[in-house]
Amino acid sequence: MAENPDRFHLTLSSAGEPVMQGWWPLEATARDQLPVWVGSWGSLPDARITLVDEETGTVLTTWPDEA
């Protein structure tokens, strides 16, 4: 079975609006991008980053962590 190049989806939103998105075939690669995005764009107003497995619809992680 071939890898799905768009399986793991990161979304950056600011003040409730999507700002940037990225897709990767491997979860580890997408997770490696999370701290990069936080460091680069985490200071945007109400910044939020979400990693979703597009095949299952599962939210794998969010930043900042939900309380």
Protein backbone atom coordinates (compact mmCIF):
# COMPACT_ATOMS: atom_id res chain seq x y z
CA MET A 1 0.00 0.00 0.00
CA ALA A 2 1.41 3.38 -1.01
CA GLU A 3 1.82 6.18 1.50
CA ASN A 4 -0.77 8.94 1.38
CA PRO A 5 1.27 12.15 0.85
CA ASP A 6 -1.52 14.22 2.41
CA ARG A 7 -2.26 12.01 5.44
CA PHE A 8 -0.87 14.17 8.27
CA HIS A 9 -2.15 17.72 8.16
CA LEU A 10 -0.88 20.66 10.22
CA THR A 11 -2.98 23.80 10.37
CA LEU A 12 -1.89 27.12 11.86
CA SER A 13 -4.66 29.52 12.74
CA SER A 14 -4.50 33.00 14.19
CA ALA A 15 -7.49 34.72 15.79
CA GLY A 16 -9.65 31.82 14.56
CA GLU A 17 -8.65 32.14 10.90
CA PRO A 18 -6.45 29.64 9.02
CA VAL A 19 -3.08 31.14 8.16
CA MET A 20 -0.98 28.21 6.93
CA GLN A 21 -1.34 24.50 6.22
CA GLY A 22 1.02 21.65 5.46
CA TRP A 23 0.64 17.95 4.64
CA TRP A 24 3.09 15.09 5.11
CA PRO A 25 2.97 11.34 4.42
CA LEU A 26 4.62 10.43 7.75
CA GLU A 27 3.39 11.36 11.21
CA ALA A 28 6.96 11.72 12.52
CA THR A 29 7.76 14.32 9.85
CA ALA A 30 4.61 16.30 10.61
CA ARG A 31 5.37 16.16 14.36
CA ASP A 32 8.93 17.40 13.66
CA GLN A 33 7.40 20.48 12.01
CA LEU A 34 5.29 21.37 15.06
CA PRO A 35 8.10 23.00 17.10
CA VAL A 36 9.34 24.77 13.97
CA TRP A 37 5.90 26.30 13.43
CA VAL A 38 5.54 27.18 17.12
CA GLY A 39 8.94 28.92 17.07
CA SER A 40 8.21 30.77 13.84
CA TRP A 41 4.55 31.68 14.23
CA GLY A 42 3.53 30.92 17.81
CA SER A 43 3.49 34.62 18.68
CA LEU A 44 0.64 35.42 16.26
CA PRO A 45 -2.55 36.59 18.00
CA ASP A 46 -4.40 33.57 19.44
CA ALA A 47 -2.10 31.20 17.52
CA ARG A 48 -3.20 27.58 17.42
CA ILE A 49 -1.58 24.64 15.63
CA THR A 50 -3.42 21.38 15.07
CA LEU A 51 -2.12 18.06 13.72
CA VAL A 52 -4.78 15.77 12.23
CA ASP A 53 -4.58 12.28 10.74
CA GLU A 54 -6.69 12.86 7.62
CA GLU A 55 -7.32 9.11 7.10
CA THR A 56 -8.96 8.64 10.50
CA GLY A 57 -10.04 12.21 11.27
CA THR A 58 -8.21 11.99 14.60
CA VAL A 59 -6.71 15.13 16.12
CA LEU A 60 -3.25 13.94 17.16
CA THR A 61 -2.07 17.07 18.97
CA THR A 62 -2.70 20.75 19.38
CA TRP A 63 -0.60 23.69 20.47
CA PRO A 64 -1.05 25.20 22.87
CA ASP A 65 -2.19 22.12 24.76
CA GLU A 66 -5.85 22.05 25.60
CA ALA A 67 -6.45 22.32 29.35
